[in-house]
């Protein structure tokens, strides 16, 4: 694959930033760090990675002017991929900690995993996707991807659920609406199939 246009990776202090950049460069995409609104000028697609707590994530996004960047980017219907916490903050409210208002781009909330299962949910688990999903093009259904999380999203719009995973209850592990794609698992930690998913997103985004 030849090098293509720039993919922006939002830097608000998330620990998996470098591994996302490394995955994109393995695929021979020109990846750049976006740590301010201006630094997104050359990007044709935006990835919001994430690990950690919702409150810290939202505070860091706001302090750096990146919450408005993400909101404006999605409002303009430009290609966007959220990963793990980068998926959760797209919704209205998270129950994590004492509760946290999030970006409110998608209707729904973020809730804790069932109390009768080990938390965090950490390791490999199957992802069952909708038939015809181009995000999973070339990836067998029920392929294992790598998860590390204690909370899950509860979208109000079931039609936005692109894939689900079983852990106690069945939860939404991928959402898709308009230009937005987001995964609860970490493609950058999921080997060859994770790289394939990143490539599919960027190919569909025409990057």
N, C-alpha and C. Protein backbone atom coordinates (compact mmCIF):
# COMPACT_ATOMS: atom_id res chain seq x y z
N UNK A 1 0.85 -1.19 0.00
CA UNK A 1 0.00 0.00 0.00
C UNK A 1 0.88 1.24 0.00
N UNK A 2 0.64 2.17 -0.87
CA UNK A 2 1.44 3.38 -0.91
C UNK A 2 0.96 4.36 0.15
N UNK A 3 1.88 5.29 0.54
CA UNK A 3 1.53 6.29 1.52
C UNK A 3 0.44 7.19 0.97
N UNK A 4 -0.57 7.49 1.84
CA UNK A 4 -1.71 8.27 1.39
C UNK A 4 -1.81 9.55 2.19
N UNK A 5 -2.95 10.21 2.18
CA UNK A 5 -3.14 11.46 2.88
C UNK A 5 -3.08 11.27 4.39
N UNK A 6 -2.98 12.36 5.12
CA UNK A 6 -2.70 12.32 6.54
C UNK A 6 -3.90 11.87 7.37
N UNK A 7 -3.61 11.02 8.35
CA UNK A 7 -4.59 10.60 9.35
C UNK A 7 -4.21 11.25 10.67
N UNK A 8 -5.12 12.01 11.26
CA UNK A 8 -4.84 12.68 12.53
C UNK A 8 -5.21 11.78 13.70
N UNK A 9 -4.33 11.70 14.71
CA UNK A 9 -4.58 10.96 15.94
C UNK A 9 -4.58 11.96 17.08
N UNK A 10 -5.70 12.08 17.76
CA UNK A 10 -5.88 13.11 18.78
C UNK A 10 -5.04 12.77 20.02
N UNK A 11 -4.24 13.74 20.45
CA UNK A 11 -3.39 13.59 21.63
C UNK A 11 -3.93 14.44 22.77
N UNK A 12 -4.55 13.78 23.75
CA UNK A 12 -4.98 14.48 24.97
C UNK A 12 -4.37 13.81 26.20
N UNK A 13 -3.28 13.05 25.98
CA UNK A 13 -2.60 12.37 27.06
C UNK A 13 -2.94 10.91 27.22
N UNK A 14 -3.66 10.31 26.29
CA UNK A 14 -4.04 8.90 26.37
C UNK A 14 -2.82 8.01 26.16
N UNK A 15 -2.75 6.93 26.93
CA UNK A 15 -1.58 6.08 26.92
C UNK A 15 -1.38 5.27 25.65
N UNK A 16 -2.43 5.09 24.85
CA UNK A 16 -2.27 4.24 23.66
C UNK A 16 -2.04 5.03 22.38
N UNK A 17 -1.71 6.31 22.52
CA UNK A 17 -1.48 7.16 21.35
C UNK A 17 -0.39 6.58 20.45
N UNK A 18 0.74 6.20 21.03
CA UNK A 18 1.88 5.75 20.23
C UNK A 18 1.59 4.44 19.53
N UNK A 19 0.85 3.55 20.18
CA UNK A 19 0.55 2.27 19.54
C UNK A 19 -0.41 2.46 18.36
N UNK A 20 -1.31 3.45 18.44
CA UNK A 20 -2.19 3.76 17.30
C UNK A 20 -1.37 4.32 16.15
N UNK A 21 -0.48 5.27 16.47
CA UNK A 21 0.39 5.83 15.43
C UNK A 21 1.22 4.74 14.77
N UNK A 22 1.75 3.83 15.57
CA UNK A 22 2.57 2.74 15.03
C UNK A 22 1.77 1.84 14.11
N UNK A 23 0.52 1.54 14.48
CA UNK A 23 -0.33 0.70 13.63
C UNK A 23 -0.59 1.36 12.28
N UNK A 24 -0.86 2.66 12.30
CA UNK A 24 -1.13 3.38 11.06
C UNK A 24 0.11 3.42 10.16
N UNK A 25 1.25 3.60 10.79
CA UNK A 25 2.49 3.66 10.00
C UNK A 25 2.85 2.29 9.45
N UNK A 26 2.51 1.22 10.18
CA UNK A 26 2.69 -0.13 9.66
C UNK A 26 1.90 -0.32 8.37
N UNK A 27 0.71 0.30 8.33
CA UNK A 27 -0.13 0.25 7.14
C UNK A 27 0.29 1.25 6.07
N UNK A 28 1.38 1.99 6.35
CA UNK A 28 1.95 2.97 5.42
C UNK A 28 1.04 4.16 5.19
N UNK A 29 0.31 4.55 6.23
CA UNK A 29 -0.43 5.81 6.21
C UNK A 29 0.41 6.89 6.88
N UNK A 30 0.25 8.10 6.41
CA UNK A 30 0.94 9.25 6.99
C UNK A 30 0.13 9.70 8.21
N UNK A 31 0.59 9.32 9.41
CA UNK A 31 -0.14 9.61 10.65
C UNK A 31 0.51 10.79 11.36
N UNK A 32 -0.33 11.70 11.87
CA UNK A 32 0.18 12.88 12.56
C UNK A 32 -0.54 13.06 13.89
N UNK A 33 0.16 13.61 14.87
CA UNK A 33 -0.43 13.88 16.18
C UNK A 33 -1.22 15.18 16.12
N UNK A 34 -2.45 15.12 16.61
CA UNK A 34 -3.31 16.31 16.68
C UNK A 34 -3.45 16.68 18.15
N UNK A 35 -2.73 17.72 18.58
CA UNK A 35 -2.77 18.15 19.97
C UNK A 35 -3.34 19.55 20.15
N UNK A 36 -3.85 20.11 19.05
CA UNK A 36 -4.52 21.41 19.07
C UNK A 36 -5.42 21.48 17.85
N UNK A 37 -6.44 22.33 17.87
CA UNK A 37 -7.33 22.42 16.69
C UNK A 37 -6.56 22.72 15.40
N UNK A 38 -5.56 23.58 15.47
CA UNK A 38 -4.82 23.95 14.26
C UNK A 38 -4.06 22.78 13.66
N UNK A 39 -3.58 21.86 14.51
CA UNK A 39 -2.76 20.76 14.02
C UNK A 39 -3.57 19.71 13.26
N UNK A 40 -4.89 19.89 13.19
CA UNK A 40 -5.74 18.97 12.41
C UNK A 40 -5.92 19.43 10.98
N UNK A 41 -5.32 20.56 10.59
CA UNK A 41 -5.61 21.17 9.29
C UNK A 41 -5.30 20.26 8.11
N UNK A 42 -4.27 19.42 8.24
CA UNK A 42 -3.88 18.57 7.11
C UNK A 42 -4.53 17.19 7.14
N UNK A 43 -5.30 16.90 8.20
CA UNK A 43 -5.87 15.56 8.37
C UNK A 43 -7.12 15.37 7.53
N UNK A 44 -7.25 14.18 6.96
CA UNK A 44 -8.43 13.82 6.18
C UNK A 44 -9.34 12.86 6.94
N UNK A 45 -8.83 12.26 8.01
CA UNK A 45 -9.61 11.42 8.92
C UNK A 45 -9.04 11.62 10.31
N UNK A 46 -9.88 11.42 11.32
CA UNK A 46 -9.47 11.68 12.70
C UNK A 46 -9.75 10.45 13.55
N UNK A 47 -8.75 10.06 14.36
CA UNK A 47 -8.90 8.95 15.30
C UNK A 47 -8.74 9.48 16.71
N UNK A 48 -9.71 9.14 17.58
CA UNK A 48 -9.65 9.52 18.98
C UNK A 48 -9.40 8.26 19.80
N UNK A 49 -8.15 8.01 20.21
CA UNK A 49 -7.86 6.83 21.01
C UNK A 49 -8.23 7.08 22.46
N UNK A 50 -8.08 6.07 23.31
CA UNK A 50 -8.40 6.35 24.70
C UNK A 50 -8.22 5.20 25.65
N UNK A 51 -7.64 5.52 26.79
CA UNK A 51 -7.63 4.65 27.96
C UNK A 51 -7.79 5.57 29.17
N UNK A 52 -8.20 5.01 30.31
CA UNK A 52 -8.30 5.82 31.50
C UNK A 52 -9.73 6.18 31.86
N UNK A 53 -9.89 7.24 32.64
CA UNK A 53 -11.18 7.62 33.20
C UNK A 53 -11.88 8.67 32.35
N UNK A 54 -13.20 8.64 32.36
CA UNK A 54 -13.99 9.58 31.57
C UNK A 54 -13.77 11.02 32.01
N UNK A 55 -13.72 11.26 33.34
CA UNK A 55 -13.56 12.63 33.83
C UNK A 55 -12.23 13.23 33.39
N UNK A 56 -11.15 12.46 33.50
CA UNK A 56 -9.83 12.94 33.08
C UNK A 56 -9.80 13.18 31.57
N UNK A 57 -10.41 12.27 30.83
CA UNK A 57 -10.45 12.42 29.37
C UNK A 57 -11.16 13.71 28.98
N UNK A 58 -12.33 13.94 29.54
CA UNK A 58 -13.09 15.13 29.19
C UNK A 58 -12.36 16.40 29.61
N UNK A 59 -11.75 16.39 30.78
CA UNK A 59 -10.99 17.57 31.24
C UNK A 59 -9.84 17.88 30.31
N UNK A 60 -9.10 16.85 29.91
CA UNK A 60 -7.96 17.07 29.02
C UNK A 60 -8.40 17.52 27.63
N UNK A 61 -9.49 16.96 27.13
CA UNK A 61 -10.02 17.40 25.83
C UNK A 61 -10.43 18.86 25.87
N UNK A 62 -11.11 19.25 26.93
CA UNK A 62 -11.56 20.65 27.05
C UNK A 62 -10.39 21.60 27.18
N UNK A 63 -9.42 21.26 28.03
CA UNK A 63 -8.29 22.15 28.28
C UNK A 63 -7.49 22.42 27.01
N UNK A 64 -7.42 21.44 26.13
CA UNK A 64 -6.63 21.59 24.91
C UNK A 64 -7.45 22.08 23.72
N UNK A 65 -8.73 22.36 23.94
CA UNK A 65 -9.58 22.81 22.85
C UNK A 65 -9.96 21.69 21.89
N UNK A 66 -9.78 20.45 22.33
CA UNK A 66 -10.00 19.32 21.43
C UNK A 66 -11.43 18.80 21.47
N UNK A 67 -12.19 19.10 22.53
CA UNK A 67 -13.59 18.67 22.56
C UNK A 67 -14.37 19.37 21.45
N UNK A 68 -14.12 20.66 21.26
CA UNK A 68 -14.78 21.39 20.17
C UNK A 68 -14.31 20.89 18.81
N UNK A 69 -13.02 20.58 18.70
CA UNK A 69 -12.50 20.05 17.44
C UNK A 69 -13.23 18.77 17.06
N UNK A 70 -13.35 17.83 18.01
CA UNK A 70 -14.02 16.56 17.73
C UNK A 70 -15.48 16.80 17.35
N UNK A 71 -16.17 17.65 18.11
CA UNK A 71 -17.57 17.93 17.83
C UNK A 71 -17.74 18.56 16.45
N UNK A 72 -16.92 19.56 16.14
CA UNK A 72 -17.02 20.24 14.84
C UNK A 72 -16.67 19.29 13.70
N UNK A 73 -15.67 18.44 13.92
CA UNK A 73 -15.26 17.47 12.90
C UNK A 73 -16.42 16.54 12.53
N UNK A 74 -17.08 16.02 13.57
CA UNK A 74 -18.18 15.09 13.34
C UNK A 74 -19.39 15.80 12.76
N UNK A 75 -19.66 17.01 13.23
CA UNK A 75 -20.77 17.80 12.68
C UNK A 75 -20.59 18.04 11.19
N UNK A 76 -19.34 18.20 10.77
CA UNK A 76 -19.03 18.41 9.35
C UNK A 76 -19.04 17.10 8.57
N UNK A 77 -19.36 15.98 9.24
CA UNK A 77 -19.46 14.65 8.63
C UNK A 77 -18.15 14.21 7.98
N UNK A 78 -17.07 14.47 8.69
CA UNK A 78 -15.76 14.02 8.24
C UNK A 78 -15.45 12.68 8.91
N UNK A 79 -14.65 11.82 8.27
CA UNK A 79 -14.40 10.47 8.79
C UNK A 79 -13.78 10.49 10.19
N UNK A 80 -14.38 9.74 11.10
CA UNK A 80 -13.97 9.75 12.51
C UNK A 80 -14.02 8.34 13.07
N UNK A 81 -12.97 7.96 13.81
CA UNK A 81 -12.92 6.66 14.50
C UNK A 81 -12.57 6.89 15.96
N UNK A 82 -13.43 6.41 16.86
CA UNK A 82 -13.15 6.45 18.29
C UNK A 82 -12.77 5.06 18.78
N UNK A 83 -11.81 5.00 19.72
CA UNK A 83 -11.33 3.72 20.25
C UNK A 83 -11.45 3.72 21.78
N UNK A 84 -12.17 2.74 22.31
CA UNK A 84 -12.32 2.52 23.74
C UNK A 84 -12.89 3.77 24.42
N UNK A 85 -12.12 4.49 25.24
CA UNK A 85 -12.64 5.72 25.84
C UNK A 85 -13.02 6.73 24.77
N UNK A 86 -12.35 6.66 23.63
CA UNK A 86 -12.70 7.53 22.50
C UNK A 86 -14.06 7.22 21.93
N UNK A 87 -14.60 6.05 22.21
CA UNK A 87 -15.98 5.69 21.87
C UNK A 87 -16.92 6.20 22.96
N UNK A 88 -16.57 5.96 24.22
CA UNK A 88 -17.49 6.26 25.32
C UNK A 88 -17.79 7.75 25.44
N UNK A 89 -16.80 8.61 25.23
CA UNK A 89 -17.03 10.05 25.41
C UNK A 89 -17.91 10.66 24.32
N UNK A 90 -18.19 9.91 23.26
CA UNK A 90 -19.12 10.41 22.24
C UNK A 90 -20.55 10.50 22.76
N UNK A 91 -20.85 9.77 23.83
CA UNK A 91 -22.22 9.70 24.33
C UNK A 91 -22.50 10.83 25.33
N UNK A 92 -23.71 10.85 25.88
CA UNK A 92 -24.15 11.99 26.68
C UNK A 92 -23.62 11.98 28.10
N UNK A 93 -23.60 10.81 28.73
CA UNK A 93 -23.26 10.76 30.14
C UNK A 93 -22.62 9.42 30.48
N UNK A 94 -21.59 9.47 31.32
CA UNK A 94 -20.96 8.25 31.83
C UNK A 94 -21.22 8.13 33.32
N UNK A 95 -21.51 6.90 33.77
CA UNK A 95 -21.71 6.64 35.19
C UNK A 95 -20.39 6.50 35.95
N UNK A 96 -19.28 6.54 35.24
CA UNK A 96 -18.00 6.32 35.89
C UNK A 96 -17.73 7.37 36.97
N UNK A 97 -17.10 6.93 38.07
CA UNK A 97 -16.83 7.85 39.16
C UNK A 97 -18.13 8.34 39.78
N UNK A 98 -18.24 9.64 39.90
CA UNK A 98 -19.48 10.24 40.42
C UNK A 98 -20.39 10.71 39.29
N UNK A 99 -20.10 10.24 38.08
CA UNK A 99 -20.87 10.66 36.91
C UNK A 99 -20.13 11.74 36.15
N UNK A 100 -20.20 11.69 34.83
CA UNK A 100 -19.47 12.63 33.99
C UNK A 100 -20.26 12.96 32.73
N UNK A 101 -20.51 14.24 32.49
CA UNK A 101 -21.10 14.65 31.22
C UNK A 101 -20.05 14.53 30.13
N UNK A 102 -20.45 13.92 29.02
CA UNK A 102 -19.50 13.68 27.92
C UNK A 102 -19.83 14.61 26.75
N UNK A 103 -19.36 14.28 25.56
CA UNK A 103 -19.52 15.18 24.42
C UNK A 103 -20.95 15.31 23.94
N UNK A 104 -21.77 14.29 24.17
CA UNK A 104 -23.17 14.37 23.79
C UNK A 104 -23.43 14.34 22.30
N UNK A 105 -22.52 13.77 21.55
CA UNK A 105 -22.68 13.69 20.09
C UNK A 105 -23.67 12.59 19.72
N UNK A 106 -23.65 11.50 20.49
CA UNK A 106 -24.57 10.38 20.26
C UNK A 106 -25.50 10.24 21.46
N UNK A 107 -26.79 9.95 21.23
CA UNK A 107 -27.71 9.76 22.36
C UNK A 107 -27.47 8.42 23.05
N UNK A 108 -27.36 8.47 24.36
CA UNK A 108 -27.13 7.25 25.12
C UNK A 108 -26.22 7.53 26.30
N UNK A 109 -25.90 6.48 27.04
CA UNK A 109 -25.08 6.64 28.24
C UNK A 109 -24.07 5.51 28.34
N UNK A 110 -23.18 5.65 29.30
CA UNK A 110 -22.11 4.68 29.53
C UNK A 110 -22.31 4.10 30.92
N UNK A 111 -22.39 2.76 31.02
CA UNK A 111 -22.71 2.09 32.29
C UNK A 111 -21.64 1.06 32.63
N UNK A 112 -21.56 0.69 33.90
CA UNK A 112 -20.58 -0.28 34.35
C UNK A 112 -20.97 -1.69 33.90
N UNK A 113 -19.96 -2.51 33.63
CA UNK A 113 -20.20 -3.91 33.32
C UNK A 113 -20.87 -4.62 34.49
N UNK A 114 -21.54 -5.76 34.24
CA UNK A 114 -22.25 -6.46 35.31
C UNK A 114 -21.35 -6.79 36.50
N UNK A 115 -21.90 -6.61 37.71
CA UNK A 115 -21.12 -6.78 38.94
C UNK A 115 -20.69 -8.23 39.16
N UNK A 116 -21.38 -9.17 38.52
CA UNK A 116 -21.04 -10.59 38.75
C UNK A 116 -19.95 -11.10 37.80
N UNK A 117 -19.32 -10.19 37.07
CA UNK A 117 -18.20 -10.57 36.21
C UNK A 117 -16.96 -9.76 36.59
N UNK A 118 -15.80 -10.35 36.36
CA UNK A 118 -14.55 -9.68 36.70
C UNK A 118 -14.41 -8.38 35.93
N UNK A 119 -14.09 -7.32 36.64
CA UNK A 119 -13.90 -6.01 36.04
C UNK A 119 -12.49 -5.52 36.43
N UNK A 120 -11.71 -5.01 35.48
CA UNK A 120 -12.08 -4.76 34.08
C UNK A 120 -12.16 -6.05 33.24
N UNK A 121 -12.92 -5.93 32.17
CA UNK A 121 -12.93 -6.96 31.13
C UNK A 121 -11.64 -6.77 30.35
N UNK A 122 -10.72 -7.71 30.50
CA UNK A 122 -9.39 -7.56 29.92
C UNK A 122 -9.00 -8.83 29.16
N UNK A 123 -8.62 -8.66 27.91
CA UNK A 123 -8.17 -9.79 27.11
C UNK A 123 -8.96 -9.92 25.82
N UNK A 124 -8.85 -11.08 25.20
CA UNK A 124 -9.44 -11.34 23.89
C UNK A 124 -10.89 -11.81 24.02
N UNK A 125 -11.74 -11.30 23.14
CA UNK A 125 -13.14 -11.72 23.13
C UNK A 125 -13.70 -11.55 21.73
N UNK A 126 -14.72 -12.36 21.44
CA UNK A 126 -15.30 -12.37 20.09
C UNK A 126 -16.16 -11.12 19.83
N UNK A 127 -16.10 -10.68 18.60
CA UNK A 127 -16.92 -9.56 18.13
C UNK A 127 -17.83 -10.08 17.02
N UNK A 128 -19.13 -9.95 17.24
CA UNK A 128 -20.14 -10.41 16.28
C UNK A 128 -20.72 -9.19 15.57
N UNK A 129 -20.46 -9.08 14.26
CA UNK A 129 -20.86 -7.87 13.54
C UNK A 129 -22.04 -8.10 12.62
N UNK A 130 -22.67 -7.01 12.23
CA UNK A 130 -23.81 -7.06 11.31
C UNK A 130 -23.36 -7.59 9.95
N UNK A 131 -24.18 -8.40 9.35
CA UNK A 131 -23.88 -8.89 8.00
C UNK A 131 -23.76 -7.70 7.05
N UNK A 132 -22.72 -7.71 6.25
CA UNK A 132 -22.51 -6.63 5.28
C UNK A 132 -21.70 -5.47 5.80
N UNK A 133 -21.21 -5.54 7.03
CA UNK A 133 -20.41 -4.44 7.58
C UNK A 133 -19.11 -4.29 6.80
N UNK A 134 -18.90 -3.12 6.20
CA UNK A 134 -17.66 -2.90 5.46
C UNK A 134 -16.48 -2.68 6.40
N UNK A 135 -16.74 -2.28 7.64
CA UNK A 135 -15.66 -2.11 8.60
C UNK A 135 -14.93 -3.43 8.84
N UNK A 136 -15.67 -4.54 8.76
CA UNK A 136 -15.09 -5.86 9.00
C UNK A 136 -14.82 -6.62 7.70
N UNK A 137 -14.72 -5.91 6.60
CA UNK A 137 -14.46 -6.53 5.31
C UNK A 137 -13.19 -7.38 5.39
N UNK A 138 -13.31 -8.68 5.02
CA UNK A 138 -12.16 -9.57 5.04
C UNK A 138 -11.83 -10.14 6.41
N UNK A 139 -12.66 -9.83 7.42
CA UNK A 139 -12.44 -10.32 8.78
C UNK A 139 -13.57 -11.29 9.13
N UNK A 140 -13.29 -12.53 9.49
CA UNK A 140 -14.35 -13.48 9.82
C UNK A 140 -15.20 -12.99 10.99
N UNK A 141 -16.50 -13.26 10.91
CA UNK A 141 -17.36 -12.91 12.05
C UNK A 141 -16.93 -13.71 13.27
N UNK A 142 -17.15 -13.11 14.44
CA UNK A 142 -16.76 -13.70 15.73
C UNK A 142 -15.25 -13.82 15.91
N UNK A 143 -14.51 -12.98 15.20
CA UNK A 143 -13.06 -12.88 15.42
C UNK A 143 -12.80 -12.27 16.79
N UNK A 144 -11.72 -12.70 17.44
CA UNK A 144 -11.31 -12.12 18.73
C UNK A 144 -10.57 -10.81 18.53
N UNK A 145 -10.95 -9.81 19.35
CA UNK A 145 -10.23 -8.55 19.44
C UNK A 145 -9.89 -8.30 20.91
N UNK A 146 -8.97 -7.37 21.14
CA UNK A 146 -8.45 -7.17 22.50
C UNK A 146 -9.19 -6.04 23.22
N UNK A 147 -9.71 -6.35 24.41
CA UNK A 147 -10.48 -5.42 25.23
C UNK A 147 -9.76 -5.11 26.54
N UNK A 148 -9.91 -3.87 27.00
CA UNK A 148 -9.54 -3.46 28.37
C UNK A 148 -10.51 -2.36 28.77
N UNK A 149 -11.54 -2.71 29.57
CA UNK A 149 -12.53 -1.69 29.94
C UNK A 149 -13.39 -2.19 31.08
N UNK A 150 -14.00 -1.24 31.79
CA UNK A 150 -14.92 -1.54 32.89
C UNK A 150 -16.33 -1.04 32.62
N UNK A 151 -16.48 -0.22 31.59
CA UNK A 151 -17.78 0.39 31.26
C UNK A 151 -18.10 0.12 29.80
N UNK A 152 -19.39 0.16 29.48
CA UNK A 152 -19.85 -0.07 28.11
C UNK A 152 -20.90 0.97 27.73
N UNK A 153 -21.07 1.19 26.44
CA UNK A 153 -22.05 2.16 25.98
C UNK A 153 -23.43 1.51 25.83
N UNK A 154 -24.45 2.32 26.07
CA UNK A 154 -25.85 1.92 25.89
C UNK A 154 -26.49 2.94 24.94
N UNK A 155 -26.33 2.75 23.63
CA UNK A 155 -26.91 3.71 22.68
C UNK A 155 -28.43 3.69 22.73
N UNK A 156 -29.05 4.86 22.58
CA UNK A 156 -30.51 4.92 22.47
C UNK A 156 -30.98 4.39 21.13
N UNK A 157 -30.15 4.56 20.11
CA UNK A 157 -30.50 4.16 18.76
C UNK A 157 -29.88 2.80 18.45
N UNK A 158 -30.67 1.75 18.48
CA UNK A 158 -30.15 0.40 18.23
C UNK A 158 -29.58 0.25 16.83
N UNK A 159 -30.05 1.07 15.90
CA UNK A 159 -29.56 0.94 14.53
C UNK A 159 -28.11 1.39 14.40
N UNK A 160 -27.58 2.08 15.41
CA UNK A 160 -26.18 2.50 15.39
C UNK A 160 -25.24 1.39 15.83
N UNK A 161 -25.78 0.29 16.35
CA UNK A 161 -24.94 -0.81 16.84
C UNK A 161 -24.46 -1.65 15.66
N UNK A 162 -23.17 -1.62 15.42
CA UNK A 162 -22.58 -2.35 14.29
C UNK A 162 -22.12 -3.74 14.69
N UNK A 163 -21.76 -3.90 15.99
CA UNK A 163 -21.27 -5.20 16.47
C UNK A 163 -21.49 -5.30 17.97
N UNK A 164 -21.55 -6.54 18.45
CA UNK A 164 -21.75 -6.79 19.88
C UNK A 164 -20.76 -7.84 20.37
N UNK A 165 -20.61 -7.90 21.69
CA UNK A 165 -19.72 -8.86 22.34
C UNK A 165 -20.38 -9.35 23.62
N UNK A 166 -20.13 -10.59 23.98
CA UNK A 166 -20.72 -11.20 25.17
C UNK A 166 -19.74 -11.16 26.33
N UNK A 167 -20.16 -10.53 27.44
CA UNK A 167 -19.39 -10.58 28.68
C UNK A 167 -20.38 -10.35 29.82
N UNK A 168 -20.91 -11.43 30.35
CA UNK A 168 -22.05 -11.31 31.27
C UNK A 168 -23.30 -11.07 30.45
N UNK A 169 -23.53 -9.84 30.09
CA UNK A 169 -24.58 -9.48 29.14
C UNK A 169 -23.92 -9.22 27.78
N UNK A 170 -24.75 -9.17 26.73
CA UNK A 170 -24.24 -8.80 25.42
C UNK A 170 -24.22 -7.27 25.34
N UNK A 171 -23.07 -6.72 24.98
CA UNK A 171 -22.94 -5.25 24.94
C UNK A 171 -22.51 -4.78 23.56
N UNK A 172 -22.71 -3.52 23.31
CA UNK A 172 -22.32 -2.90 22.05
C UNK A 172 -20.81 -2.73 22.03
N UNK A 173 -20.15 -3.36 21.06
CA UNK A 173 -18.70 -3.23 20.96
C UNK A 173 -18.26 -2.40 19.75
N UNK A 174 -19.18 -2.08 18.85
CA UNK A 174 -18.90 -1.16 17.75
C UNK A 174 -20.16 -0.37 17.44
N UNK A 175 -20.00 0.93 17.28
CA UNK A 175 -21.12 1.75 16.80
C UNK A 175 -20.74 2.38 15.46
N UNK A 176 -21.78 2.65 14.67
CA UNK A 176 -21.56 3.32 13.39
C UNK A 176 -22.78 4.18 13.11
N UNK A 177 -22.54 5.49 12.91
CA UNK A 177 -23.62 6.39 12.52
C UNK A 177 -23.03 7.52 11.70
N UNK A 178 -23.52 7.67 10.47
CA UNK A 178 -22.98 8.69 9.58
C UNK A 178 -21.49 8.49 9.36
N UNK A 179 -20.70 9.52 9.63
CA UNK A 179 -19.25 9.45 9.44
C UNK A 179 -18.53 8.85 10.64
N UNK A 180 -19.29 8.52 11.71
CA UNK A 180 -18.69 8.02 12.96
C UNK A 180 -18.59 6.51 12.96
N UNK A 181 -17.41 6.01 13.30
CA UNK A 181 -17.20 4.61 13.64
C UNK A 181 -16.48 4.61 14.99
N UNK A 182 -16.84 3.69 15.88
CA UNK A 182 -16.14 3.62 17.16
C UNK A 182 -16.17 2.19 17.68
N UNK A 183 -15.06 1.79 18.32
CA UNK A 183 -14.92 0.43 18.83
C UNK A 183 -14.62 0.46 20.32
N UNK A 184 -15.20 -0.48 21.07
CA UNK A 184 -14.86 -0.62 22.48
C UNK A 184 -13.52 -1.34 22.65
N UNK A 185 -13.17 -2.18 21.72
CA UNK A 185 -11.89 -2.88 21.77
C UNK A 185 -10.79 -2.03 21.14
N UNK A 186 -9.55 -2.53 21.25
CA UNK A 186 -8.38 -1.81 20.75
C UNK A 186 -7.86 -2.49 19.49
N UNK A 187 -8.17 -1.97 18.30
CA UNK A 187 -7.62 -2.57 17.08
C UNK A 187 -6.10 -2.59 17.07
N UNK A 188 -5.48 -1.56 17.63
CA UNK A 188 -4.02 -1.46 17.60
C UNK A 188 -3.35 -2.53 18.46
N UNK A 189 -4.11 -3.21 19.32
CA UNK A 189 -3.58 -4.30 20.14
C UNK A 189 -4.11 -5.66 19.69
N UNK A 190 -4.74 -5.69 18.53
CA UNK A 190 -5.45 -6.89 18.08
C UNK A 190 -4.81 -7.58 16.89
N UNK A 191 -3.52 -7.38 16.70
CA UNK A 191 -2.81 -8.11 15.67
C UNK A 191 -3.25 -7.78 14.26
N UNK A 192 -3.13 -8.76 13.37
CA UNK A 192 -3.39 -8.57 11.95
C UNK A 192 -4.82 -8.15 11.67
N UNK A 193 -5.79 -8.70 12.43
CA UNK A 193 -7.19 -8.35 12.18
C UNK A 193 -7.49 -6.92 12.63
N UNK A 194 -6.81 -6.47 13.67
CA UNK A 194 -6.96 -5.08 14.07
C UNK A 194 -6.42 -4.12 13.02
N UNK A 195 -5.28 -4.48 12.45
CA UNK A 195 -4.74 -3.67 11.36
C UNK A 195 -5.68 -3.66 10.16
N UNK A 196 -6.29 -4.81 9.87
CA UNK A 196 -7.24 -4.90 8.77
C UNK A 196 -8.43 -3.97 9.02
N UNK A 197 -8.89 -3.89 10.27
CA UNK A 197 -10.02 -3.02 10.58
C UNK A 197 -9.65 -1.55 10.37
N UNK A 198 -8.46 -1.14 10.83
CA UNK A 198 -8.01 0.23 10.58
C UNK A 198 -7.95 0.50 9.07
N UNK A 199 -7.40 -0.45 8.32
CA UNK A 199 -7.30 -0.27 6.87
C UNK A 199 -8.68 -0.14 6.24
N UNK A 200 -9.65 -0.94 6.69
CA UNK A 200 -11.00 -0.86 6.14
C UNK A 200 -11.63 0.50 6.42
N UNK A 201 -11.47 0.99 7.65
CA UNK A 201 -12.00 2.31 7.98
C UNK A 201 -11.41 3.38 7.07
N UNK A 202 -10.11 3.35 6.88
CA UNK A 202 -9.47 4.39 6.09
C UNK A 202 -9.75 4.25 4.60
N UNK A 203 -9.89 3.02 4.13
CA UNK A 203 -10.28 2.82 2.73
C UNK A 203 -11.69 3.34 2.48
N UNK A 204 -12.62 3.05 3.41
CA UNK A 204 -13.99 3.55 3.27
C UNK A 204 -14.02 5.07 3.36
N UNK A 205 -13.11 5.64 4.17
CA UNK A 205 -13.04 7.10 4.31
C UNK A 205 -12.34 7.76 3.12
N UNK A 206 -11.82 6.93 2.22
CA UNK A 206 -11.12 7.40 1.01
C UNK A 206 -9.87 8.22 1.36
N UNK A 207 -9.17 7.78 2.40
CA UNK A 207 -7.94 8.47 2.80
C UNK A 207 -6.79 7.98 1.92
